Amino acid sequence: MKIDNSQSHVIEHSDNVFIDRISNKIYDSGLITPAIFFLEMTKPISLLGSHFLIFLGPVVNAFIQSDDYYRAAQVFEDSKNVELLIQKLETLESKNNKKRETIER
């Protein structure tokens, strides 16, 4: 099943769920602003970064057992998916700001 976002970027449903999970983890950590800055800086070289992650995969997996390591390298190979993550982070932040405003009133 494919999902078509507003910018006519078609992604798999499982990729969208994966990006949602990552955006929620970043949001829960409270590091939305630094994450957005980092993602914006590295978006043009996401393909190179993805290949670098694959290159380092055996070393990283020797110390950290993560099933999603190669999945992240695959999903964020496309800079449009990086942009989608940024948009989801900004949406989470704006929802949180709206909740704060209604609580303060």
N, C-alpha and C. Protein backbone atom coordinates (compact mmCIF):
# COMPACT_ATOMS: atom_id res chain seq x y z
N MET A 1 0.84 -1.18 0.00
CA MET A 1 0.00 0.00 0.00
C MET A 1 0.88 1.23 0.00
N LYS A 2 0.57 2.18 -0.85
CA LYS A 2 1.36 3.40 -0.94
C LYS A 2 0.53 4.58 -0.48
N ILE A 3 1.22 5.55 0.09
CA ILE A 3 0.57 6.76 0.58
C ILE A 3 1.07 7.93 -0.25
N ASP A 4 0.16 8.77 -0.69
CA ASP A 4 0.53 9.93 -1.48
C ASP A 4 0.38 11.16 -0.61
N ASN A 5 1.48 11.83 -0.32
CA ASN A 5 1.44 13.04 0.51
C ASN A 5 1.13 14.25 -0.35
N SER A 6 0.97 15.40 0.27
CA SER A 6 0.56 16.61 -0.44
C SER A 6 1.56 17.06 -1.49
N GLN A 7 2.80 16.64 -1.38
CA GLN A 7 3.82 17.07 -2.35
C GLN A 7 4.04 16.01 -3.42
N SER A 8 3.04 15.17 -3.65
CA SER A 8 3.06 14.10 -4.64
C SER A 8 4.27 13.19 -4.50
N HIS A 9 4.67 12.93 -3.28
CA HIS A 9 5.76 12.01 -2.99
C HIS A 9 5.13 10.72 -2.50
N VAL A 10 5.35 9.64 -3.22
CA VAL A 10 4.72 8.37 -2.90
C VAL A 10 5.69 7.53 -2.07
N ILE A 11 5.23 7.09 -0.90
CA ILE A 11 6.05 6.24 -0.04
C ILE A 11 5.22 5.05 0.40
N GLU A 12 5.90 4.01 0.79
CA GLU A 12 5.22 2.82 1.31
C GLU A 12 4.63 3.14 2.69
N HIS A 13 3.56 2.44 3.02
CA HIS A 13 2.93 2.63 4.32
C HIS A 13 3.91 2.29 5.45
N SER A 14 4.69 1.23 5.28
CA SER A 14 5.65 0.85 6.33
C SER A 14 6.72 1.92 6.52
N ASP A 15 7.11 2.59 5.43
CA ASP A 15 8.08 3.69 5.55
C ASP A 15 7.47 4.86 6.30
N ASN A 16 6.21 5.13 6.05
CA ASN A 16 5.53 6.23 6.73
C ASN A 16 5.41 5.94 8.22
N VAL A 17 5.10 4.69 8.57
CA VAL A 17 5.02 4.30 9.98
C VAL A 17 6.40 4.43 10.63
N PHE A 18 7.44 4.02 9.92
CA PHE A 18 8.81 4.12 10.43
C PHE A 18 9.19 5.57 10.68
N ILE A 19 8.86 6.46 9.76
CA ILE A 19 9.17 7.88 9.91
C ILE A 19 8.35 8.48 11.07
N ASP A 20 7.11 8.06 11.21
CA ASP A 20 6.29 8.51 12.35
C ASP A 20 6.93 8.11 13.68
N ARG A 21 7.39 6.88 13.74
CA ARG A 21 8.02 6.39 14.98
C ARG A 21 9.28 7.19 15.31
N ILE A 22 10.08 7.49 14.30
CA ILE A 22 11.30 8.27 14.53
C ILE A 22 10.95 9.70 14.96
N SER A 23 9.96 10.29 14.31
CA SER A 23 9.58 11.66 14.68
C SER A 23 9.05 11.71 16.11
N ASN A 24 8.32 10.71 16.52
CA ASN A 24 7.82 10.67 17.91
C ASN A 24 8.96 10.50 18.90
N LYS A 25 9.96 9.70 18.57
CA LYS A 25 11.12 9.54 19.46
C LYS A 25 11.89 10.85 19.60
N ILE A 26 12.07 11.56 18.48
CA ILE A 26 12.77 12.85 18.53
C ILE A 26 11.95 13.85 19.35
N TYR A 27 10.64 13.85 19.14
CA TYR A 27 9.77 14.76 19.88
C TYR A 27 9.83 14.47 21.38
N ASP A 28 9.77 13.19 21.73
CA ASP A 28 9.81 12.82 23.15
C ASP A 28 11.14 13.18 23.80
N SER A 29 12.21 13.20 23.02
CA SER A 29 13.52 13.56 23.58
C SER A 29 13.65 15.06 23.82
N GLY A 30 12.79 15.85 23.18
CA GLY A 30 12.83 17.29 23.36
C GLY A 30 13.88 17.98 22.50
N LEU A 31 14.39 17.29 21.52
CA LEU A 31 15.45 17.85 20.67
C LEU A 31 14.96 18.16 19.26
N ILE A 32 13.77 18.72 19.16
CA ILE A 32 13.19 18.98 17.84
C ILE A 32 13.99 20.01 17.08
N THR A 33 14.31 21.13 17.70
CA THR A 33 15.02 22.20 16.99
C THR A 33 16.40 21.76 16.51
N PRO A 34 17.24 21.16 17.35
CA PRO A 34 18.53 20.68 16.82
C PRO A 34 18.38 19.62 15.75
N ALA A 35 17.37 18.77 15.88
CA ALA A 35 17.15 17.72 14.88
C ALA A 35 16.77 18.33 13.54
N ILE A 36 15.91 19.34 13.56
CA ILE A 36 15.51 19.99 12.31
C ILE A 36 16.70 20.69 11.66
N PHE A 37 17.50 21.39 12.46
CA PHE A 37 18.71 22.03 11.91
C PHE A 37 19.63 21.00 11.27
N PHE A 38 19.87 19.90 11.97
CA PHE A 38 20.75 18.85 11.44
C PHE A 38 20.18 18.24 10.16
N LEU A 39 18.89 17.94 10.17
CA LEU A 39 18.27 17.34 8.99
C LEU A 39 18.29 18.28 7.79
N GLU A 40 18.05 19.56 8.03
CA GLU A 40 18.09 20.54 6.94
C GLU A 40 19.50 20.64 6.35
N MET A 41 20.52 20.59 7.23
CA MET A 41 21.90 20.69 6.74
C MET A 41 22.31 19.47 5.94
N THR A 42 21.84 18.31 6.35
CA THR A 42 22.30 17.07 5.70
C THR A 42 21.37 16.58 4.60
N LYS A 43 20.25 17.24 4.38
CA LYS A 43 19.31 16.80 3.36
C LYS A 43 19.94 16.69 1.97
N PRO A 44 20.77 17.66 1.54
CA PRO A 44 21.35 17.54 0.19
C PRO A 44 22.31 16.36 0.03
N ILE A 45 22.87 15.87 1.12
CA ILE A 45 23.82 14.76 1.01
C ILE A 45 23.27 13.49 1.64
N SER A 46 21.94 13.36 1.63
CA SER A 46 21.32 12.19 2.28
C SER A 46 21.73 10.89 1.60
N LEU A 47 21.91 10.88 0.31
CA LEU A 47 22.33 9.67 -0.39
C LEU A 47 23.73 9.24 0.06
N LEU A 48 24.63 10.21 0.13
CA LEU A 48 25.99 9.91 0.59
C LEU A 48 25.98 9.43 2.05
N GLY A 49 25.19 10.08 2.88
CA GLY A 49 25.08 9.68 4.28
C GLY A 49 24.52 8.27 4.41
N SER A 50 23.57 7.94 3.57
CA SER A 50 22.99 6.60 3.60
C SER A 50 24.04 5.54 3.25
N HIS A 51 24.83 5.83 2.24
CA HIS A 51 25.89 4.89 1.86
C HIS A 51 26.94 4.78 2.96
N PHE A 52 27.21 5.87 3.64
CA PHE A 52 28.17 5.84 4.74
C PHE A 52 27.65 4.99 5.90
N LEU A 53 26.33 5.10 6.17
CA LEU A 53 25.73 4.27 7.21
C LEU A 53 25.84 2.78 6.87
N ILE A 54 25.64 2.45 5.61
CA ILE A 54 25.76 1.06 5.19
C ILE A 54 27.21 0.59 5.34
N PHE A 55 28.15 1.47 4.99
CA PHE A 55 29.57 1.14 5.12
C PHE A 55 29.93 0.85 6.58
N LEU A 56 29.40 1.66 7.50
CA LEU A 56 29.70 1.49 8.93
C LEU A 56 28.84 0.44 9.61
N GLY A 57 27.87 -0.10 8.90
CA GLY A 57 26.92 -1.04 9.47
C GLY A 57 27.53 -2.19 10.24
N PRO A 58 28.49 -2.93 9.68
CA PRO A 58 29.05 -4.06 10.44
C PRO A 58 29.72 -3.64 11.75
N VAL A 59 30.37 -2.50 11.75
CA VAL A 59 31.04 -2.03 12.97
C VAL A 59 30.01 -1.61 14.01
N VAL A 60 29.02 -0.84 13.59
CA VAL A 60 28.00 -0.36 14.51
C VAL A 60 27.19 -1.53 15.07
N ASN A 61 26.82 -2.47 14.22
CA ASN A 61 26.02 -3.61 14.68
C ASN A 61 26.81 -4.56 15.56
N ALA A 62 28.12 -4.47 15.55
CA ALA A 62 28.92 -5.28 16.46
C ALA A 62 28.72 -4.81 17.91
N PHE A 63 28.45 -3.53 18.09
CA PHE A 63 28.28 -2.96 19.42
C PHE A 63 26.82 -2.72 19.80
N ILE A 64 26.02 -2.34 18.82
CA ILE A 64 24.62 -2.02 19.06
C ILE A 64 23.76 -2.90 18.16
N GLN A 65 22.94 -3.73 18.75
CA GLN A 65 22.06 -4.59 17.97
C GLN A 65 20.76 -3.83 17.68
N SER A 66 20.62 -3.37 16.46
CA SER A 66 19.43 -2.63 16.08
C SER A 66 18.90 -3.17 14.76
N ASP A 67 17.65 -3.58 14.77
CA ASP A 67 17.02 -4.09 13.56
C ASP A 67 16.73 -2.97 12.57
N ASP A 68 16.57 -1.75 13.08
CA ASP A 68 16.17 -0.63 12.23
C ASP A 68 17.35 0.15 11.65
N TYR A 69 18.56 -0.26 11.92
CA TYR A 69 19.73 0.49 11.45
C TYR A 69 19.75 0.55 9.92
N TYR A 70 19.67 -0.61 9.28
CA TYR A 70 19.70 -0.63 7.81
C TYR A 70 18.41 -0.10 7.21
N ARG A 71 17.34 -0.23 7.95
CA ARG A 71 16.05 0.32 7.49
C ARG A 71 16.14 1.84 7.41
N ALA A 72 16.75 2.46 8.42
CA ALA A 72 16.91 3.91 8.41
C ALA A 72 17.80 4.34 7.25
N ALA A 73 18.86 3.59 6.99
CA ALA A 73 19.73 3.92 5.86
C ALA A 73 18.97 3.85 4.55
N GLN A 74 18.09 2.88 4.43
CA GLN A 74 17.32 2.72 3.20
C GLN A 74 16.26 3.82 3.05
N VAL A 75 15.54 4.11 4.12
CA VAL A 75 14.46 5.09 4.05
C VAL A 75 15.01 6.50 3.80
N PHE A 76 16.08 6.86 4.51
CA PHE A 76 16.59 8.23 4.40
C PHE A 76 17.60 8.41 3.27
N GLU A 77 17.68 7.43 2.41
CA GLU A 77 18.48 7.56 1.19
C GLU A 77 17.88 8.63 0.28
N ASP A 78 16.58 8.77 0.34
CA ASP A 78 15.86 9.75 -0.47
C ASP A 78 15.66 11.03 0.34
N SER A 79 16.09 12.16 -0.19
CA SER A 79 15.97 13.42 0.55
C SER A 79 14.51 13.82 0.76
N LYS A 80 13.60 13.29 -0.04
CA LYS A 80 12.18 13.59 0.17
C LYS A 80 11.68 12.97 1.47
N ASN A 81 12.23 11.83 1.85
CA ASN A 81 11.85 11.23 3.13
C ASN A 81 12.42 12.03 4.30
N VAL A 82 13.59 12.63 4.11
CA VAL A 82 14.15 13.50 5.13
C VAL A 82 13.25 14.72 5.30
N GLU A 83 12.78 15.27 4.19
CA GLU A 83 11.86 16.41 4.23
C GLU A 83 10.55 16.02 4.91
N LEU A 84 10.08 14.81 4.67
CA LEU A 84 8.86 14.32 5.31
C LEU A 84 9.04 14.24 6.83
N LEU A 85 10.20 13.77 7.27
CA LEU A 85 10.50 13.72 8.71
C LEU A 85 10.50 15.12 9.30
N ILE A 86 11.09 16.07 8.61
CA ILE A 86 11.11 17.46 9.08
C ILE A 86 9.69 17.99 9.21
N GLN A 87 8.85 17.72 8.22
CA GLN A 87 7.46 18.19 8.26
C GLN A 87 6.70 17.57 9.43
N LYS A 88 6.93 16.30 9.68
CA LYS A 88 6.25 15.64 10.80
C LYS A 88 6.71 16.22 12.14
N LEU A 89 7.99 16.53 12.25
CA LEU A 89 8.50 17.16 13.48
C LEU A 89 7.89 18.53 13.68
N GLU A 90 7.79 19.31 12.61
CA GLU A 90 7.20 20.64 12.71
C GLU A 90 5.71 20.55 13.07
N THR A 91 5.03 19.55 12.55
CA THR A 91 3.61 19.35 12.88
C THR A 91 3.44 19.00 14.35
N LEU A 92 4.28 18.10 14.85
CA LEU A 92 4.22 17.75 16.27
C LEU A 92 4.48 18.97 17.15
N GLU A 93 5.44 19.78 16.77
CA GLU A 93 5.77 20.97 17.55
C GLU A 93 4.63 21.98 17.53
N SER A 94 4.01 22.18 16.37
CA SER A 94 2.91 23.15 16.30
C SER A 94 1.69 22.67 17.10
N LYS A 95 1.43 21.36 17.08
CA LYS A 95 0.33 20.83 17.90
C LYS A 95 0.61 21.05 19.38
N ASN A 96 1.84 20.85 19.79
CA ASN A 96 2.21 21.05 21.18
C ASN A 96 2.07 22.52 21.57
N ASN A 97 2.46 23.43 20.68
CA ASN A 97 2.33 24.86 20.97
C ASN A 97 0.86 25.25 21.10
N LYS A 98 -0.01 24.69 20.26
CA LYS A 98 -1.43 25.00 20.35
C LYS A 98 -2.02 24.50 21.66
N LYS A 99 -1.58 23.32 22.11
CA LYS A 99 -2.06 22.80 23.39
C LYS A 99 -1.63 23.70 24.53
N ARG A 100 -0.39 24.19 24.48
CA ARG A 100 0.10 25.09 25.53
C ARG A 100 -0.71 26.38 25.57
N GLU A 101 -1.05 26.92 24.40
CA GLU A 101 -1.82 28.16 24.34
C GLU A 101 -3.21 27.97 24.94
N THR A 102 -3.84 26.83 24.64
CA THR A 102 -5.19 26.62 25.18
C THR A 102 -5.15 26.36 26.69
N ILE A 103 -4.09 25.76 27.18
CA ILE A 103 -3.97 25.52 28.61
C ILE A 103 -3.72 26.84 29.35
N GLU A 104 -2.95 27.74 28.76
CA GLU A 104 -2.63 29.01 29.40
C GLU A 104 -3.82 29.94 29.45
N ARG A 105 -4.79 29.75 28.59
CA ARG A 105 -5.97 30.64 28.58
C ARG A 105 -6.90 30.21 29.63
